[in-house]
Structures are given as C-alpha cells and as structure tokens.
C-alpha atoms as a PDB file:
ATOM      1  CA  MET A   1     139.560 111.637  95.963  1.00  0.00           C
ATOM      2  CA  PRO A   2     140.762 110.764  99.009  1.00  0.00           C
ATOM      3  CA  ARG A   3     139.920 107.896 101.002  1.00  0.00           C
ATOM      4  CA  LEU A   4     140.120 108.218 104.623  1.00  0.00           C
ATOM      5  CA  VAL A   5     139.452 106.290 107.809  1.00  0.00           C
ATOM      6  CA  VAL A   6     138.832 107.085 111.535  1.00  0.00           C
ATOM      7  CA  VAL A   7     140.556 104.780 114.106  1.00  0.00           C
ATOM      8  CA  LEU A   8     141.402 104.756 117.657  1.00  0.00           C
ATOM      9  CA  PRO A   9     145.072 103.844 117.964  1.00  0.00           C
ATOM     10  CA  LEU A  10     145.908 101.893 121.050  1.00  0.00           C
ATOM     11  CA  ALA A  11     149.069 104.133 121.526  1.00  0.00           C
ATOM     12  CA  PRO A  12     148.731 107.810 120.468  1.00  0.00           C
ATOM     13  CA  LEU A  13     149.623 109.065 116.772  1.00  0.00           C
ATOM     14  CA  ALA A  14     150.873 112.500 115.629  1.00  0.00           C
ATOM     15  CA  VAL A  15     149.709 114.651 112.544  1.00  0.00           C
ATOM     16  CA  GLY A  16     152.088 113.747 110.210  1.00  0.00           C
ATOM     17  CA  ASP A  17     152.872 110.214 110.986  1.00  0.00           C
ATOM     18  CA  THR A  18     153.549 107.636 108.180  1.00  0.00           C
ATOM     19  CA  PHE A  19     153.399 103.947 107.982  1.00  0.00           C
ATOM     20  CA  LEU A  20     153.594 101.175 105.422  1.00  0.00           C
ATOM     21  CA  VAL A  21     149.927  99.278 105.213  1.00  0.00           C
ATOM     22  CA  ARG A  22     151.845  96.115 106.944  1.00  0.00           C
ATOM     23  CA  ASP A  23     152.957  98.266 109.657  1.00  0.00           C
ATOM     24  CA  TRP A  24     149.872 100.032 110.862  1.00  0.00           C
ATOM     25  CA  PRO A  25     149.850 100.670 114.518  1.00  0.00           C
ATOM     26  CA  LEU A  26     147.438  98.499 116.581  1.00  0.00           C
ATOM     27  CA  HIS A  27     143.826 100.390 116.609  1.00  0.00           C
ATOM     28  CA  VAL A  28     140.304 100.286 116.417  1.00  0.00           C
ATOM     29  CA  THR A  29     138.348 101.055 113.415  1.00  0.00           C
ATOM     30  CA  VAL A  30     135.805 103.450 114.233  1.00  0.00           C
ATOM     31  CA  LEU A  31     134.803 104.285 110.571  1.00  0.00           C
ATOM     32  CA  ALA A  32     135.761 102.411 107.516  1.00  0.00           C
ATOM     33  CA  PRO A  33     137.209 103.844 104.784  1.00  0.00           C
ATOM     34  CA  PHE A  34     135.189 106.196 102.791  1.00  0.00           C
ATOM     35  CA  LEU A  35     135.762 108.612 100.041  1.00  0.00           C
ATOM     36  CA  THR A  36     135.436 112.222 100.479  1.00  0.00           C
ATOM     37  CA  ASP A  37     136.106 115.712  98.690  1.00  0.00           C
ATOM     38  CA  ALA A  38     135.837 117.730 101.788  1.00  0.00           C
ATOM     39  CA  ALA A  39     139.543 119.245 103.406  1.00  0.00           C
ATOM     40  CA  PRO A  40     140.792 116.612 105.791  1.00  0.00           C
ATOM     41  CA  ASP A  41     140.749 119.939 108.382  1.00  0.00           C
ATOM     42  CA  VAL A  42     136.886 120.069 107.930  1.00  0.00           C
ATOM     43  CA  ILE A  43     136.351 116.478 108.670  1.00  0.00           C
ATOM     44  CA  ALA A  44     138.771 116.713 111.622  1.00  0.00           C
ATOM     45  CA  SER A  45     136.481 119.837 112.840  1.00  0.00           C
ATOM     46  CA  ALA A  46     133.593 117.852 112.609  1.00  0.00           C
ATOM     47  CA  LEU A  47     134.910 115.181 114.422  1.00  0.00           C
ATOM     48  CA  ALA A  48     136.153 117.516 117.295  1.00  0.00           C
ATOM     49  CA  ALA A  49     133.115 119.140 117.593  1.00  0.00           C
ATOM     50  CA  ALA A  50     131.494 115.650 118.017  1.00  0.00           C
ATOM     51  CA  ALA A  51     133.856 113.700 119.865  1.00  0.00           C
ATOM     52  CA  SER A  52     135.944 115.741 122.039  1.00  0.00           C
ATOM     53  CA  ALA A  53     133.798 115.955 124.937  1.00  0.00           C
ATOM     54  CA  LEU A  54     133.407 112.465 125.243  1.00  0.00           C
ATOM     55  CA  PRO A  55     135.604 110.449 127.732  1.00  0.00           C
ATOM     56  CA  ALA A  56     138.319 108.300 126.724  1.00  0.00           C
ATOM     57  CA  LEU A  57     137.352 104.463 126.340  1.00  0.00           C
ATOM     58  CA  SER A  58     138.326 101.322 128.576  1.00  0.00           C
ATOM     59  CA  VAL A  59     137.653  98.447 126.619  1.00  0.00           C
ATOM     60  CA  VAL A  60     138.326  94.579 126.929  1.00  0.00           C
ATOM     61  CA  ALA A  61     139.839  92.036 123.993  1.00  0.00           C
ATOM     62  CA  GLY A  62     137.515  89.240 123.574  1.00  0.00           C
ATOM     63  CA  GLY A  63     138.576  85.990 121.479  1.00  0.00           C
ATOM     64  CA  GLY A  64     140.404  85.785 118.374  1.00  0.00           C
ATOM     65  CA  GLU A  65     138.561  85.533 114.954  1.00  0.00           C
ATOM     66  CA  ARG A  66     139.212  85.666 111.386  1.00  0.00           C
ATOM     67  CA  PHE A  67     137.801  88.617 109.259  1.00  0.00           C
ATOM     68  CA  GLY A  68     137.844  89.558 105.458  1.00  0.00           C
ATOM     69  CA  ARG A  69     136.377  88.123 102.400  1.00  0.00           C
ATOM     70  CA  ARG A  70     138.360  84.970 102.647  1.00  0.00           C
ATOM     71  CA  HIS A  71     138.313  84.874 106.642  1.00  0.00           C
ATOM     72  CA  ASP A  72     141.864  84.947 106.696  1.00  0.00           C
ATOM     73  CA  ILE A  73     142.746  88.325 108.503  1.00  0.00           C
ATOM     74  CA  PRO A  74     143.341  87.239 112.270  1.00  0.00           C
ATOM     75  CA  VAL A  75     141.788  89.810 114.384  1.00  0.00           C
ATOM     76  CA  THR A  76     140.958  90.172 118.189  1.00  0.00           C
ATOM     77  CA  VAL A  77     137.219  90.955 118.651  1.00  0.00           C
ATOM     78  CA  LEU A  78     136.449  93.293 121.488  1.00  0.00           C
ATOM     79  CA  GLU A  79     133.887  92.714 124.164  1.00  0.00           C
ATOM     80  CA  PRO A  80     130.786  94.638 123.710  1.00  0.00           C
ATOM     81  CA  ASN A  81     131.012  97.960 124.971  1.00  0.00           C
ATOM     82  CA  PRO A  82     127.900 100.687 124.742  1.00  0.00           C
ATOM     83  CA  GLU A  83     130.171 104.171 124.929  1.00  0.00           C
ATOM     84  CA  LEU A  84     132.164 102.390 121.599  1.00  0.00           C
ATOM     85  CA  THR A  85     129.220 101.644 119.842  1.00  0.00           C
ATOM     86  CA  ALA A  86     127.824 105.260 120.867  1.00  0.00           C
ATOM     87  CA  LEU A  87     131.277 107.027 119.659  1.00  0.00           C
ATOM     88  CA  HIS A  88     131.080 104.845 116.401  1.00  0.00           C
ATOM     89  CA  ASP A  89     127.303 106.184 115.552  1.00  0.00           C
ATOM     90  CA  LEU A  90     128.291 109.627 116.468  1.00  0.00           C
ATOM     91  CA  VAL A  91     131.361 109.681 114.011  1.00  0.00           C
ATOM     92  CA  VAL A  92     129.293 107.996 111.056  1.00  0.00           C
ATOM     93  CA  ALA A  93     126.828 110.789 111.915  1.00  0.00           C
ATOM     94  CA  ALA A  94     129.351 113.701 112.106  1.00  0.00           C
ATOM     95  CA  VAL A  95     131.466 112.589 108.875  1.00  0.00           C
ATOM     96  CA  ARG A  96     128.515 111.506 106.508  1.00  0.00           C
ATOM     97  CA  PRO A  97     127.558 115.049 105.402  1.00  0.00           C
ATOM     98  CA  PHE A  98     131.152 114.980 104.110  1.00  0.00           C
ATOM     99  CA  ALA A  99     131.218 111.474 102.533  1.00  0.00           C
ATOM    100  CA  ALA A 100     131.287 111.402  98.635  1.00  0.00           C
ATOM    101  CA  ALA A 101     129.204 108.243  98.394  1.00  0.00           C
ATOM    102  CA  PRO A 102     127.135 108.350 101.751  1.00  0.00           C
ATOM    103  CA  GLU A 103     125.804 104.830 100.531  1.00  0.00           C
ATOM    104  CA  GLU A 104     129.067 103.157 101.296  1.00  0.00           C
ATOM    105  CA  ALA A 105     129.252 100.381 103.506  1.00  0.00           C
ATOM    106  CA  ALA A 106     131.333 102.638 106.125  1.00  0.00           C
ATOM    107  CA  PHE A 107     128.305 104.700 106.662  1.00  0.00           C
ATOM    108  CA  THR A 108     125.264 102.016 105.606  1.00  0.00           C
ATOM    109  CA  GLY A 109     126.786  98.789 107.407  1.00  0.00           C
ATOM    110  CA  THR A 110     124.519  97.632 110.064  1.00  0.00           C
ATOM    111  CA  GLU A 111     127.214  95.617 112.148  1.00  0.00           C
ATOM    112  CA  PHE A 112     129.856  97.563 114.009  1.00  0.00           C
ATOM    113  CA  ARG A 113     132.176  94.874 115.288  1.00  0.00           C
ATOM    114  CA  ALA A 114     134.956  96.496 116.971  1.00  0.00           C
ATOM    115  CA  HIS A 115     138.228  94.738 116.855  1.00  0.00           C
ATOM    116  CA  VAL A 116     141.865  95.033 116.668  1.00  0.00           C
ATOM    117  CA  THR A 117     143.536  93.237 113.652  1.00  0.00           C
ATOM    118  CA  ASP A 118     146.567  91.289 114.388  1.00  0.00           C
ATOM    119  CA  LYS A 119     150.043  92.656 112.666  1.00  0.00           C
ATOM    120  CA  HIS A 120     153.464  90.915 112.341  1.00  0.00           C
ATOM    121  CA  HIS A 121     154.864  93.355 114.952  1.00  0.00           C
ATOM    122  CA  ALA A 122     151.929  93.118 117.611  1.00  0.00           C
ATOM    123  CA  ARG A 123     148.434  91.969 118.766  1.00  0.00           C
ATOM    124  CA  VAL A 124     146.005  92.006 121.738  1.00  0.00           C
ATOM    125  CA  ALA A 125     145.487  89.189 123.858  1.00  0.00           C
ATOM    126  CA  THR A 126     142.308  88.076 125.177  1.00  0.00           C
ATOM    127  CA  GLY A 127     141.332  89.840 128.189  1.00  0.00           C
ATOM    128  CA  ASP A 128     143.597  92.601 127.684  1.00  0.00           C
ATOM    129  CA  THR A 129     142.107  96.088 129.021  1.00  0.00           C
ATOM    130  CA  LEU A 130     142.833  98.574 125.991  1.00  0.00           C
ATOM    131  CA  GLU A 131     142.672 102.538 127.134  1.00  0.00           C
ATOM    132  CA  LEU A 132     141.434 104.636 123.908  1.00  0.00           C
ATOM    133  CA  GLY A 133     142.025 108.229 124.333  1.00  0.00           C
ATOM    134  CA  GLN A 134     142.432 109.799 120.808  1.00  0.00           C
ATOM    135  CA  LEU A 135     140.690 109.732 117.521  1.00  0.00           C
ATOM    136  CA  ALA A 136     143.143 109.876 114.459  1.00  0.00           C
ATOM    137  CA  LEU A 137     141.595 110.494 111.103  1.00  0.00           C
ATOM    138  CA  VAL A 138     144.107 108.759 108.392  1.00  0.00           C
ATOM    139  CA  ASP A 139     144.875 108.966 104.696  1.00  0.00           C
ATOM    140  CA  MET A 140     144.676 105.756 103.280  1.00  0.00           C
ATOM    141  CA  ALA A 141     146.909 106.585 100.546  1.00  0.00           C
ATOM    142  CA  PRO A 142     147.036 103.510  97.552  1.00  0.00           C
ATOM    143  CA  ARG A 143     148.673 100.681  98.810  1.00  0.00           C
ATOM    144  CA  ALA A 144     151.597 101.531  96.279  1.00  0.00           C
ATOM    145  CA  ASP A 145     152.229 105.011  97.756  1.00  0.00           C
ATOM    146  CA  PRO A 146     155.839 104.606  99.043  1.00  0.00           C
ATOM    147  CA  ALA A 147     154.746 107.255 102.141  1.00  0.00           C
ATOM    148  CA  GLY A 148     151.870 104.712 103.124  1.00  0.00           C
ATOM    149  CA  ARG A 149     149.146 105.930 105.512  1.00  0.00           C
ATOM    150  CA  ALA A 150     149.593 109.405 106.848  1.00  0.00           C
ATOM    151  CA  VAL A 151     147.730 110.979 110.149  1.00  0.00           C
ATOM    152  CA  LEU A 152     146.024 113.834 109.035  1.00  0.00           C
ATOM    153  CA  ALA A 153     144.718 114.908 112.465  1.00  0.00           C
ATOM    154  CA  THR A 154     144.050 113.730 115.883  1.00  0.00           C
ATOM    155  CA  ILE A 155     141.327 114.466 118.268  1.00  0.00           C
ATOM    156  CA  PRO A 156     141.837 113.725 122.225  1.00  0.00           C
ATOM    157  CA  LEU A 157     138.937 112.251 123.915  1.00  0.00           C
ATOM    158  CA  ARG A 158     138.554 113.889 127.696  1.00  0.00           C
ATOM    159  CA  PRO A 159     140.434 111.840 130.205  1.00  0.00           C
ATOM    160  CA  ARG A 160     138.612 109.533 132.221  1.00  0.00           C
ATOM    161  CA  PRO A 161     137.607 110.461 136.019  1.00  0.00           C
ATOM    162  CA  SER A 162     140.134 108.845 138.512  1.00  0.00           C
ATOM    163  CA  GLY A 163     138.252 105.692 139.375  1.00  0.00           C
ATOM    164  CA  ALA A 164     136.064 105.233 136.432  1.00  0.00           C
END
C-alpha cells in the first residue's frame, strides 16, 4: 500500500524526479505521510481541484528548533501564516476520503507547525522569504528502495498578483 506525502517544494519539482531520503530537496510538508489504496492520479486530481485556484504563498522563515521523537532533527520553523494554514486544512480535507486509515496523525493531528528540515546540502535562514508556488505529491518508498522518493504529481498554485 503506497505511503504518500504532499509538500510545497522551495524549488519546483517535476513528475518523475527521484531522490534519496538524505537528499530530499528543501520543502514544507503540507500533509504528513499517509497510507492510501487510491491511484496517485486520483489523489492528484483531488489536490488540483482543491488547490489550483489558490495563489502561491510567500512565507517567512522563523527560528531554528529540533523536531522528531528524540528532538534531534534540526528545522527552521516558518512564521505563522494564515494562508499556509488554510492550504494545509484544504489539502487534509481533499485527501482524507482517499486515506486507507483516516485516523492517521496526518489527518487528525491538531497542530500544524510549518517548517523546513535542514539538510546536509542546504537550509533556510531566519528571516528568509520563501516563495511557494507548487504542490507535489511524493511517493515515500521504503528507505531501502534504491530509487528513493519519487514525485508522482505536481500542482501549480496560481501566481501571486504583482505587488502582493
């Protein structure tokens, strides 16, 4: 059963892109990994219907924190952004009907803390403004899979009006 995730990449991704776990491009997770029996194109269509009319987001990087069960994963938390929170809520609602386990934390978690995980190859700095214009649906292949993660679909967000 596929385990998928929905992210906002900091740089656009293309369908078919693959990368190892350690080489994830910088991104904001909009919907945490979830199990599904639905075909990726069905989920991508639901995401497109829900989000493609939304404008791209401009968000600001806040301070560094440590996430994970052991608080050992360095991240940069984003400043609160109502548009990003609304996008998260919209994506959760659009994808929940296709979840194999709708009670998973991806759908029931009460605290969405938008952040960008630091990677060995890059990180964002406090105060950086991030322009997020694309959703990506990514297959969370098992860590042992030599192909790593794979981008299954991308959904562009509407460009922001000039001066917005």
